[in-house]
Protein backbone atom coordinates (compact mmCIF):
# COMPACT_ATOMS: atom_id res chain seq x y z
CA UNK A 1 97.69 81.40 48.55
CA UNK A 2 99.35 83.09 51.52
CA UNK A 3 96.81 83.55 54.31
CA UNK A 4 98.96 86.23 55.95
CA UNK A 5 99.10 88.22 52.69
CA UNK A 6 95.34 87.93 52.25
CA UNK A 7 94.81 89.17 55.81
CA UNK A 8 97.25 92.04 55.30
CA UNK A 9 95.61 93.15 52.05
CA UNK A 10 92.19 93.00 53.74
CA UNK A 11 93.39 95.22 56.57
CA UNK A 12 94.85 97.72 54.11
CA UNK A 13 91.72 97.96 51.97
CA UNK A 14 90.45 100.95 53.97
CA UNK A 15 93.65 102.88 53.21
CA UNK A 16 93.29 101.96 49.55
CA UNK A 17 89.75 103.33 49.42
CA UNK A 18 91.15 106.55 50.87
CA UNK A 19 93.52 106.71 47.88
CA UNK A 20 96.60 106.42 50.14
CA UNK A 21 98.31 103.96 47.75
CA UNK A 22 97.94 106.45 44.93
CA UNK A 23 100.81 108.39 46.49
CA UNK A 24 103.51 105.80 45.85
CA UNK A 25 106.62 107.46 44.49
CA UNK A 26 108.72 106.30 41.60
CA UNK A 27 111.47 107.57 39.35
CA UNK A 28 113.33 106.14 36.37
CA UNK A 29 117.02 106.16 35.44
CA UNK A 30 117.50 104.99 31.87
CA UNK A 31 120.80 104.45 30.05
CA UNK A 32 121.29 104.46 26.30
CA UNK A 33 124.45 104.18 24.21
CA UNK A 34 125.03 106.80 21.52
CA UNK A 35 125.93 105.16 18.20
CA UNK A 36 126.75 106.28 14.68
CA UNK A 37 124.71 105.46 11.59
CA UNK A 38 126.65 102.20 11.10
CA UNK A 39 125.79 100.89 14.55
CA UNK A 40 129.20 101.56 16.10
CA UNK A 41 129.66 103.09 19.52
CA UNK A 42 130.01 106.86 19.14
CA UNK A 43 133.55 108.23 19.41
CA UNK A 44 132.34 111.80 19.95
CA UNK A 45 132.26 113.56 23.33
CA UNK A 46 129.02 113.99 25.22
CA UNK A 47 127.22 116.77 23.28
CA UNK A 48 127.71 120.19 24.90
CA UNK A 49 124.22 121.07 23.65
CA UNK A 50 122.81 118.62 26.23
CA UNK A 51 124.47 120.44 29.14
CA UNK A 52 127.20 119.55 31.62
CA UNK A 53 127.17 115.86 32.50
CA UNK A 54 128.66 116.79 35.89
CA UNK A 55 125.87 119.11 37.05
CA UNK A 56 122.80 118.53 34.85
CA UNK A 57 120.12 116.95 37.07
CA UNK A 58 118.44 114.95 34.30
CA UNK A 59 120.93 114.28 31.46
CA UNK A 60 124.33 112.86 32.29
CA UNK A 61 126.51 109.89 31.39
CA UNK A 62 127.11 106.60 33.12
CA UNK A 63 130.54 105.07 32.45
CA UNK A 64 131.54 106.37 29.06
CA UNK A 65 131.20 109.54 27.04
CA UNK A 66 128.82 107.62 24.78
CA UNK A 67 126.56 106.14 27.49
CA UNK A 68 123.75 108.63 28.07
CA UNK A 69 121.87 108.45 31.35
CA UNK A 70 118.45 110.04 31.82
CA UNK A 71 117.07 110.71 35.31
CA UNK A 72 113.44 111.64 35.89
CA UNK A 73 112.13 113.49 38.94
CA UNK A 74 110.09 111.53 41.50
CA UNK A 75 106.45 111.16 40.48
CA UNK A 76 103.30 109.66 41.95
CA UNK A 77 101.94 108.65 38.54
CA UNK A 78 103.89 106.37 36.17
CA UNK A 79 102.46 108.29 33.21
CA UNK A 80 104.12 111.48 34.43
CA UNK A 81 107.52 109.79 34.74
CA UNK A 82 107.13 108.35 31.25
CA UNK A 83 106.16 111.75 29.81
CA UNK A 84 109.25 113.39 31.32
CA UNK A 85 111.50 110.56 30.10
CA UNK A 86 110.03 110.83 26.61
CA UNK A 87 110.76 114.57 26.47
CA UNK A 88 114.36 113.95 27.58
CA UNK A 89 114.71 111.66 24.57
CA UNK A 90 112.99 114.12 22.22
CA UNK A 91 115.23 116.94 23.41
CA UNK A 92 118.35 114.81 22.97
CA UNK A 93 117.46 113.71 19.46
CA UNK A 94 117.25 117.37 18.43
CA UNK A 95 120.95 117.71 19.31
CA UNK A 96 122.46 114.36 18.28
CA UNK A 97 122.86 115.10 14.57
CA UNK A 98 123.26 111.78 12.73
CA UNK A 99 123.78 109.79 15.92
CA UNK A 100 121.19 107.45 17.40
CA UNK A 101 120.36 106.03 20.82
CA UNK A 102 120.92 102.27 20.94
CA UNK A 103 117.74 100.47 22.07
CA UNK A 104 119.35 97.32 23.50
CA UNK A 105 121.17 96.51 26.73
CA UNK A 106 124.04 94.65 25.07
CA UNK A 107 126.19 97.22 23.28
CA UNK A 108 126.55 98.22 19.67
CA UNK A 109 129.56 97.31 17.56
CA UNK A 110 132.78 97.96 19.48
CA UNK A 111 136.41 98.21 18.40
CA UNK A 112 138.23 96.93 21.45
CA UNK A 113 138.54 98.26 24.96
CA UNK A 114 139.68 101.75 23.96
CA UNK A 115 136.60 102.36 21.81
CA UNK A 116 134.65 102.80 25.06
CA UNK A 117 135.85 106.29 26.02
CA UNK A 118 135.86 107.00 29.77
CA UNK A 119 133.63 109.95 30.64
CA UNK A 120 135.45 113.20 31.46
CA UNK A 121 133.77 115.37 34.11
CA UNK A 122 136.16 118.31 34.11
CA UNK A 123 138.94 119.53 36.38
CA UNK A 124 137.15 119.88 39.73
CA UNK A 125 137.97 117.37 42.44
CA UNK A 126 134.49 115.87 42.35
CA UNK A 127 134.72 115.60 38.56
CA UNK A 128 138.18 114.03 38.78
CA UNK A 129 136.92 111.55 41.37
CA UNK A 130 134.16 110.41 39.02
CA UNK A 131 136.68 110.02 36.19
CA UNK A 132 139.34 108.20 38.22
CA UNK A 133 136.70 105.87 39.64
CA UNK A 134 135.89 104.88 36.05
CA UNK A 135 139.59 104.39 35.33
CA UNK A 136 139.60 102.00 38.25
CA UNK A 137 136.69 100.07 36.76
CA UNK A 138 138.71 99.84 33.55
CA UNK A 139 141.83 98.35 35.14
CA UNK A 140 139.75 95.98 37.28
CA UNK A 141 137.12 94.76 34.83
CA UNK A 142 137.76 96.38 31.45
CA UNK A 143 135.66 99.00 29.71
CA UNK A 144 133.61 96.72 27.47
CA UNK A 145 131.47 95.50 30.37
CA UNK A 146 130.76 99.16 31.15
CA UNK A 147 129.13 99.68 27.74
CA UNK A 148 126.13 97.61 28.83
CA UNK A 149 122.95 99.63 29.46
CA UNK A 150 119.81 99.13 31.54
CA UNK A 151 116.94 100.72 33.42
CA UNK A 152 116.93 101.48 37.15
CA UNK A 153 113.58 101.87 38.91
CA UNK A 154 113.38 103.89 42.12
CA UNK A 155 110.44 103.17 44.42
CA UNK A 156 109.25 104.48 47.79
CA UNK A 157 106.21 104.92 50.01
CA UNK A 158 105.26 108.33 51.50
CA UNK A 159 105.77 108.85 55.25
CA UNK A 160 102.01 109.06 55.78
CA UNK A 161 101.59 105.51 54.55
CA UNK A 162 104.57 104.28 56.58
CA UNK A 163 102.98 105.71 59.71
CA UNK A 164 99.73 103.87 58.96
CA UNK A 165 101.60 100.60 58.39
CA UNK A 166 103.59 101.08 61.59
CA UNK A 167 100.37 101.57 63.54
CA UNK A 168 98.84 98.46 61.98
CA UNK A 169 101.92 96.48 63.00
CA UNK A 170 101.60 97.69 66.58
CA UNK A 171 105.06 99.27 66.33
CA UNK A 172 104.17 102.84 67.29
CA UNK A 173 106.96 102.90 69.89
CA UNK A 174 109.53 102.27 67.14
CA UNK A 175 110.99 105.31 65.38
CA UNK A 176 109.72 105.82 61.85
CA UNK A 177 113.28 105.63 60.48
CA UNK A 178 113.86 102.27 62.16
CA UNK A 179 110.51 100.88 61.12
CA UNK A 180 110.81 102.02 57.50
CA UNK A 181 114.37 100.69 57.17
CA UNK A 182 113.50 97.28 58.59
CA UNK A 183 110.49 96.94 56.31
CA UNK A 184 112.48 98.01 53.24
CA UNK A 185 115.05 95.33 54.05
CA UNK A 186 112.19 92.83 54.28
CA UNK A 187 111.13 93.95 50.79
CA UNK A 188 114.70 93.50 49.55
CA UNK A 189 114.96 89.97 50.97
CA UNK A 190 111.77 88.93 49.20
CA UNK A 191 113.01 90.63 46.03
CA UNK A 192 116.27 88.70 46.15
CA UNK A 193 114.35 85.44 46.52
CA UNK A 194 112.04 86.19 43.59
CA UNK A 195 113.93 88.50 41.22
CA UNK A 196 114.12 85.58 38.79
CA UNK A 197 110.53 86.46 37.81
CA UNK A 198 111.53 89.95 36.68
CA UNK A 199 114.48 88.54 34.75
CA UNK A 200 112.14 86.13 32.98
CA UNK A 201 109.48 88.72 32.18
CA UNK A 202 111.75 91.67 31.34
CA UNK A 203 115.02 90.10 30.19
CA UNK A 204 115.69 91.29 26.64
CA UNK A 205 119.29 90.37 25.85
CA UNK A 206 119.63 86.84 24.43
CA UNK A 207 122.12 87.97 21.77
CA UNK A 208 125.22 90.09 21.33
CA UNK A 209 127.70 91.26 18.71
CA UNK A 210 130.98 89.35 18.45
CA UNK A 211 132.90 92.56 19.16
CA UNK A 212 131.72 92.26 22.78
CA UNK A 213 134.22 89.36 23.09
CA UNK A 214 137.39 90.92 21.69
CA UNK A 215 139.63 87.97 22.62
CA UNK A 216 137.68 85.79 20.18
CA UNK A 217 136.91 83.09 22.74
CA UNK A 218 133.26 82.05 22.57
CA UNK A 219 131.74 80.58 25.75
CA UNK A 220 129.93 77.26 25.41
CA UNK A 221 126.62 78.94 26.23
CA UNK A 222 126.76 80.97 22.98
CA UNK A 223 126.29 79.82 19.38
CA UNK A 224 126.89 81.59 16.11
CA UNK A 225 124.08 83.33 14.26
CA UNK A 226 125.22 84.79 10.98
CA UNK A 227 128.69 86.29 10.69
CA UNK A 228 128.84 88.69 13.63
CA UNK A 229 126.10 87.63 16.07
CA UNK A 230 126.19 85.22 18.98
CA UNK A 231 123.01 83.99 20.65
CA UNK A 232 122.09 81.99 23.71
CA UNK A 233 118.99 80.09 22.67
CA UNK A 234 117.17 80.02 26.00
CA UNK A 235 118.77 82.99 27.75
CA UNK A 236 116.68 85.88 29.00
CA UNK A 237 119.38 88.39 30.00
CA UNK A 238 123.01 88.02 28.99
CA UNK A 239 123.43 91.44 30.58
CA UNK A 240 122.82 89.86 33.98
CA UNK A 241 124.86 86.70 33.25
CA UNK A 242 128.54 86.15 33.96
CA UNK A 243 129.20 87.90 30.63
CA UNK A 244 127.77 91.12 32.08
CA UNK A 245 127.76 92.76 35.49
CA UNK A 246 129.44 90.07 37.56
CA UNK A 247 132.54 90.17 39.75
CA UNK A 248 134.12 87.25 41.58
CA UNK A 249 135.93 89.46 44.11
CA UNK A 250 132.65 91.06 45.16
CA UNK A 251 130.96 87.66 45.45
CA UNK A 252 132.87 87.05 48.66
CA UNK A 253 131.01 89.91 50.38
CA UNK A 254 127.88 87.75 50.86
CA UNK A 255 125.48 90.62 51.51
CA UNK A 256 122.15 88.99 52.30
CA UNK A 257 120.30 92.14 53.38
CA UNK A 258 119.20 90.93 56.80
CA UNK A 259 119.72 94.29 58.47
CA UNK A 260 120.85 97.81 57.75
CA UNK A 261 123.80 97.52 60.13
CA UNK A 262 125.06 94.34 58.44
CA UNK A 263 124.73 95.92 55.01
CA UNK A 264 126.52 99.12 55.98
CA UNK A 265 129.31 97.36 57.89
CA UNK A 266 129.96 94.96 55.00
CA UNK A 267 130.29 97.82 52.53
CA UNK A 268 132.48 99.81 54.91
CA UNK A 269 134.76 96.79 55.26
CA UNK A 270 134.95 96.45 51.47
CA UNK A 271 135.94 100.08 50.84
CA UNK A 272 138.68 99.93 53.48
CA UNK A 273 140.17 96.46 52.89
CA UNK A 274 143.02 96.13 50.33
CA UNK A 275 142.85 93.42 47.68
CA UNK A 276 146.21 92.02 46.50
CA UNK A 277 145.37 91.95 42.79
CA UNK A 278 144.25 95.57 42.89
CA UNK A 279 147.33 96.57 44.90
CA UNK A 280 149.44 95.07 42.11
CA UNK A 281 147.79 97.43 39.64
CA UNK A 282 148.99 100.48 41.59
CA UNK A 283 146.88 103.44 42.60
CA UNK A 284 148.71 106.29 40.91
CA UNK A 285 152.06 107.29 39.45
CA UNK A 286 152.61 110.96 40.15
CA UNK A 287 149.57 112.82 38.83
CA UNK A 288 148.40 109.84 36.76
CA UNK A 289 145.72 108.00 38.75
CA UNK A 290 144.83 104.41 37.86
CA UNK A 291 142.14 103.91 40.52
CA UNK A 292 140.86 105.64 43.63
CA UNK A 293 142.40 103.00 45.92
CA UNK A 294 143.37 99.32 45.90
CA UNK A 295 140.53 98.08 48.11
CA UNK A 296 137.85 95.48 47.39
CA UNK A 297 135.59 98.36 46.40
CA UNK A 298 136.88 101.80 45.44
CA UNK A 299 133.61 103.33 46.61
CA UNK A 300 130.25 101.85 47.59
CA UNK A 301 128.73 102.35 44.12
CA UNK A 302 131.10 99.72 42.76
CA UNK A 303 129.08 97.00 44.50
CA UNK A 304 126.86 95.35 41.90
CA UNK A 305 123.44 94.18 43.08
CA UNK A 306 119.98 93.59 41.62
CA UNK A 307 118.55 95.98 44.21
CA UNK A 308 119.91 98.61 46.60
CA UNK A 309 118.63 100.44 49.65
CA UNK A 310 119.15 104.16 49.08
CA UNK A 311 119.10 107.52 50.88
CA UNK A 312 119.94 110.86 49.32
CA UNK A 313 123.28 111.83 50.90
CA UNK A 314 124.23 115.26 52.13
CA UNK A 315 127.35 116.98 50.84
CA UNK A 316 129.57 115.58 53.61
CA UNK A 317 128.24 112.01 53.60
CA UNK A 318 128.90 108.76 51.81
CA UNK A 319 125.83 106.71 50.79
CA UNK A 320 126.30 104.34 53.73
CA UNK A 321 126.63 107.17 56.21
CA UNK A 322 123.37 108.65 54.97
CA UNK A 323 121.67 105.26 55.42
CA UNK A 324 123.19 104.85 58.86
CA UNK A 325 122.16 108.29 60.06
CA UNK A 326 118.59 108.51 58.74
CA UNK A 327 117.63 105.09 57.43
CA UNK A 328 116.46 103.83 54.05
CA UNK A 329 114.57 106.40 51.98
CA UNK A 330 113.83 104.38 48.84
CA UNK A 331 114.93 101.28 46.98
CA UNK A 332 116.53 101.05 43.55
CA UNK A 333 115.78 98.09 41.26
CA UNK A 334 118.77 97.50 38.98
CA UNK A 335 118.13 94.24 37.11
CA UNK A 336 115.97 95.55 34.27
CA UNK A 337 117.12 95.23 30.66
CA UNK A 338 116.18 97.85 28.12
CA UNK A 339 113.19 96.61 26.17
CA UNK A 340 114.30 97.28 22.56
CA UNK A 341 110.69 97.23 21.36
CA UNK A 342 109.84 100.33 23.43
CA UNK A 343 111.40 103.65 22.45
CA UNK A 344 112.10 104.53 26.10
CA UNK A 345 113.27 101.04 27.14
CA UNK A 346 110.28 100.69 29.48
CA UNK A 347 106.60 101.60 29.45
CA UNK A 348 103.89 102.53 31.96
CA UNK A 349 102.43 99.00 32.04
CA UNK A 350 105.75 97.57 33.18
CA UNK A 351 106.05 100.30 35.79
CA UNK A 352 102.64 99.33 37.13
CA UNK A 353 103.75 95.70 37.27
CA UNK A 354 106.91 96.67 39.15
CA UNK A 355 104.80 98.59 41.68
CA UNK A 356 102.65 95.51 42.25
CA UNK A 357 105.68 93.23 42.55
CA UNK A 358 107.50 95.53 44.97
CA UNK A 359 104.42 96.03 47.13
CA UNK A 360 103.95 92.23 47.18
CA UNK A 361 107.57 91.90 48.34
CA UNK A 362 106.88 94.48 51.06
CA UNK A 363 103.58 93.07 52.33
CA UNK A 364 104.53 89.37 52.26
CA UNK A 365 106.28 87.66 55.13
CA UNK A 366 110.06 87.98 54.76
CA UNK A 367 112.14 85.89 57.18
CA UNK A 368 115.84 86.55 57.54
CA UNK A 369 118.13 84.78 55.10
CA UNK A 370 120.21 82.11 56.89
CA UNK A 371 123.77 81.35 55.83
CA UNK A 372 122.88 78.23 53.84
CA UNK A 373 120.25 80.13 51.83
CA UNK A 374 122.62 83.05 51.33
CA UNK A 375 125.11 80.67 49.68
CA UNK A 376 122.55 79.64 47.04
CA UNK A 377 120.48 82.81 46.84
CA UNK A 378 121.44 83.54 43.24
CA UNK A 379 120.98 80.00 41.90
CA UNK A 380 117.43 80.49 40.56
CA UNK A 381 118.37 83.88 39.22
CA UNK A 382 121.27 82.33 37.30
CA UNK A 383 119.08 79.53 35.95
CA UNK A 384 116.59 82.02 34.52
CA UNK A 385 119.28 84.33 33.16
CA UNK A 386 120.91 81.49 31.20
CA UNK A 387 118.00 79.12 30.48
CA UNK A 388 114.80 80.90 31.45
CA UNK A 389 112.91 80.01 28.25
CA UNK A 390 114.02 76.37 28.26
CA UNK A 391 110.87 74.25 28.86
CA UNK A 392 113.03 71.70 30.72
CA UNK A 393 114.53 74.25 33.13
CA UNK A 394 113.43 73.93 36.75
CA UNK A 395 113.74 76.26 39.73
CA UNK A 396 114.44 75.15 43.29
CA UNK A 397 111.75 76.09 45.80
CA UNK A 398 111.47 74.63 49.31
CA UNK A 399 113.14 71.41 48.24
CA UNK A 400 111.00 71.05 45.12
CA UNK A 401 111.84 71.49 41.45
CA UNK A 402 109.31 73.79 39.80
CA UNK A 403 108.75 75.30 36.37
CA UNK A 404 108.52 79.01 35.73
CA UNK A 405 104.87 78.59 34.77
CA UNK A 406 103.95 76.69 37.96
CA UNK A 407 105.72 78.87 40.51
CA UNK A 408 105.14 82.05 38.53
CA UNK A 409 101.43 81.28 38.35
CA UNK A 410 101.25 81.03 42.14
CA UNK A 411 103.05 84.36 42.49
CA UNK A 412 100.71 86.01 39.98
CA UNK A 413 97.71 84.82 42.00
CA UNK A 414 99.09 86.68 45.01
CA UNK A 415 100.08 89.66 42.90
CA UNK A 416 96.44 89.92 41.79
CA UNK A 417 95.43 90.70 45.39
CA UNK A 418 98.01 93.49 45.58
CA UNK A 419 96.98 94.82 42.16
CA UNK A 420 93.37 95.09 43.34
CA UNK A 421 94.59 96.98 46.41
CA UNK A 422 96.60 99.45 44.33
CA UNK A 423 93.85 99.89 41.74
CA UNK A 424 91.46 101.00 44.48
CA UNK A 425 93.58 104.16 44.81
CA UNK A 426 93.68 105.18 41.13
CA UNK A 427 91.43 105.62 38.13
CA UNK A 428 90.77 102.42 36.18
CA UNK A 429 92.60 99.13 36.72
CA UNK A 430 96.14 99.73 35.40
CA UNK A 431 97.78 97.30 37.85
CA UNK A 432 95.43 94.43 37.08
CA UNK A 433 95.77 95.24 33.37
CA UNK A 434 99.57 95.01 33.64
CA UNK A 435 99.29 91.56 35.20
CA UNK A 436 96.85 90.44 32.53
CA UNK A 437 99.25 91.61 29.81
CA UNK A 438 102.26 89.80 31.24
CA UNK A 439 100.81 86.59 32.69
CA UNK A 440 100.50 84.75 29.33
CA UNK A 441 104.32 84.95 29.07
CA UNK A 442 104.59 82.38 31.88
CA UNK A 443 103.21 79.65 29.62
CA UNK A 444 104.56 81.04 26.35
CA UNK A 445 108.21 82.18 26.55
CA UNK A 446 108.02 83.48 22.98
CA UNK A 447 105.98 86.42 24.32
CA UNK A 448 108.84 87.66 26.50
CA UNK A 449 111.14 90.42 25.14
CA UNK A 450 114.03 87.95 24.92
CA UNK A 451 111.81 85.49 23.06
CA UNK A 452 110.54 88.16 20.68
CA UNK A 453 114.05 89.40 19.89
CA UNK A 454 115.41 85.91 19.27
CA UNK A 455 112.42 85.07 17.06
CA UNK A 456 113.04 88.18 14.96
CA UNK A 457 116.72 87.31 14.54
CA UNK A 458 115.96 83.74 13.51
CA UNK A 459 113.05 84.60 11.24
CA UNK A 460 114.93 87.28 9.31
CA UNK A 461 118.45 85.91 9.51
CA UNK A 462 119.59 89.45 10.33
CA UNK A 463 122.54 90.30 12.51
CA UNK A 464 121.97 91.60 16.03
CA UNK A 465 123.49 94.99 15.18
CA UNK A 466 121.31 95.35 12.07
CA UNK A 467 118.09 94.62 13.98
CA UNK A 468 119.01 97.03 16.78
CA UNK A 469 120.04 99.70 14.28
CA UNK A 470 116.71 99.41 12.45
CA UNK A 471 114.83 99.78 15.74
CA UNK A 472 117.01 102.75 16.73
CA UNK A 473 116.27 104.51 13.44
CA UNK A 474 112.52 103.90 13.78
CA UNK A 475 112.48 105.18 17.35
CA UNK A 476 114.57 108.24 16.52
CA UNK A 477 112.22 109.18 13.67
CA UNK A 478 109.23 108.72 15.97
CA UNK A 479 110.67 110.82 18.80
CA UNK A 480 111.92 113.59 16.50
CA UNK A 481 108.45 113.92 14.98
CA UNK A 482 106.66 114.20 18.32
CA UNK A 483 106.18 117.61 19.99
CA UNK A 484 107.65 118.33 23.42
CA UNK A 485 105.80 119.78 26.35
CA UNK A 486 106.58 123.53 25.95
CA UNK A 487 107.36 124.07 29.64
CA UNK A 488 109.77 121.12 29.73
CA UNK A 489 111.40 122.23 26.49
CA UNK A 490 112.08 125.63 28.06
CA UNK A 491 113.34 123.97 31.25
CA UNK A 492 115.77 121.73 29.38
CA UNK A 493 117.09 124.64 27.33
CA UNK A 494 117.69 126.62 30.51
CA UNK A 495 119.39 123.67 32.22
CA UNK A 496 121.96 123.46 29.42
CA UNK A 497 123.41 126.90 30.15
CA UNK A 498 122.82 126.64 33.90
CA UNK A 499 124.62 123.31 34.21
CA UNK A 500 127.65 124.54 32.24
CA UNK A 501 127.84 127.62 34.43
CA UNK A 502 127.60 125.51 37.59
CA UNK A 503 130.49 123.33 36.44
CA UNK A 504 132.63 126.39 35.70
CA UNK A 505 131.83 127.82 39.14
CA UNK A 506 132.80 124.57 40.88
CA UNK A 507 136.08 124.41 39.01
CA UNK A 508 136.90 128.09 39.67
CA UNK A 509 136.32 127.66 43.41
CA UNK A 510 138.64 124.62 43.72
CA UNK A 511 141.59 125.15 46.07
CA UNK A 512 142.40 121.68 47.46
CA UNK A 513 144.67 119.20 45.68
CA UNK A 514 143.02 116.04 44.36
CA UNK A 515 145.15 113.79 46.58
CA UNK A 516 144.17 115.80 49.67
CA UNK A 517 140.52 115.77 48.59
CA UNK A 518 140.55 111.97 48.29
CA UNK A 519 142.29 111.60 51.62
CA UNK A 520 139.61 113.63 53.37
CA UNK A 521 136.83 111.79 51.55
CA UNK A 522 138.00 108.33 52.59
CA UNK A 523 138.73 109.46 56.12
CA UNK A 524 135.09 110.55 56.37
CA UNK A 525 133.95 107.32 54.71
CA UNK A 526 135.49 105.28 57.53
CA UNK A 527 133.47 107.16 60.15
CA UNK A 528 130.27 105.61 61.48
CA UNK A 529 127.18 107.78 61.82
CA UNK A 530 124.81 105.49 63.62
CA UNK A 531 123.85 107.55 66.67
CA UNK A 532 120.17 107.95 65.83
CA UNK A 533 119.30 104.44 64.67
CA UNK A 534 118.75 101.84 67.38
CA UNK A 535 118.36 98.35 65.99
CA UNK A 536 115.82 96.44 68.04
CA UNK A 537 115.76 92.73 67.31
CA UNK A 538 111.99 92.93 66.83
CA UNK A 539 112.29 95.30 63.90
CA UNK A 540 115.31 93.54 62.41
CA UNK A 541 113.15 90.45 61.97
CA UNK A 542 110.03 92.29 60.78
CA UNK A 543 108.29 90.60 57.89
CA UNK A 544 104.92 91.56 56.40
CA UNK A 545 102.36 94.01 57.76
CA UNK A 546 100.23 91.31 59.38
């Protein structure tokens, strides 16, 4: 048990009794592939009855026309975020006709690269930029990878709590922006060291349809199950394996999240440095654009990571410039599979667990990541992704080889202290309850979502697509039968017409050519906006609150 964590939690107990930790903020972004009644990716455009995917604040698309993305507002209570997300699904199902929302992270039945239709955001420059960026992802990585879906969890502390933590740390002479950013990067470092636990507990993609591998080559890690299904017997998340969101070019960036300046400068280098293979693809031929540029990253969002520091950008800023100018505002967790056994892909109990885990990452000591650790930072993550339920699999920890149950049990013991702290600010014990629900999975991998899905496939002999389709039908019937909150139903109906009108207004006001627009955008992206953020070495190395 960490003595420093125990001391920190003890010092924070007064704030907890004052309900300060009840004001944590969280939001959910959830993707879901539209499919037809046969379990094939939908070939239809994004339904106009759901609004404009360019301007609607809550219903849009990710990569393809078929990949819905739902975005909740920021809430202090997980139950409120879940209620809003549920109504987004209920509203959608009223306008999808015979189509369904796929409940799994690995996609439905595909028919080659072209069956994943790139999303079209209209004729405005900002809409064209979103579309061309996706064309660039196609020529670089292919579209099939972009049909994978997941859940992103956004998490932040209110300024009032940051000011209390800063005072406890004796850092009152440090600006709040500097203090908050340094502490968020400490959270991220601890997250990167321990994200394997989330992948074990929440990974839900041990199987896929053969159509995901259109060249017919089956990696050694996969074995046949039935005619059309491939499984990885001990995998937790094929979505997060080298079959999913991985990129060897980006691996060279070696972002270890030691400081905001290092993070921003690395991304700025990547979006301004040409890559020979991408140069060979060409950027555009006349008015036909293949990609936004030929650099390592077209834009910062192309960088794949389990977790990101975020700041809402102003209209004339890139994401990095917003971070540079005003510091980290919140963090975004990106490694979560959709849980196919929950109609929304996530539930309130798992949100409570994430809050505990992220607060543990924040409050625990978090030394900088040296170069040798940076080189092997993803090793445990990869072991759990590919073999997390293998009883013989071992993780590396401080020169020791440890099982998931052993190391995970130690982490859960520390998480229990944080759960007690958070529960002191709310009604009941939802954080402790979440830990109690999930802890048995450490000793029994069959209780994990990946274990449950594989067990269902093997017990029934069904194909992956058939099981997912059955779940999708059950969930659609459930959501269609449930009433919506009347105020939200009226809001969503209004947003449909409002968002379409906003898109038309943007397009009507366009005067600049797309090439000129891109030129100005990337010229701004190369500018540094760091005037207000001094980086003292003390805060760069800040760890826990003790």
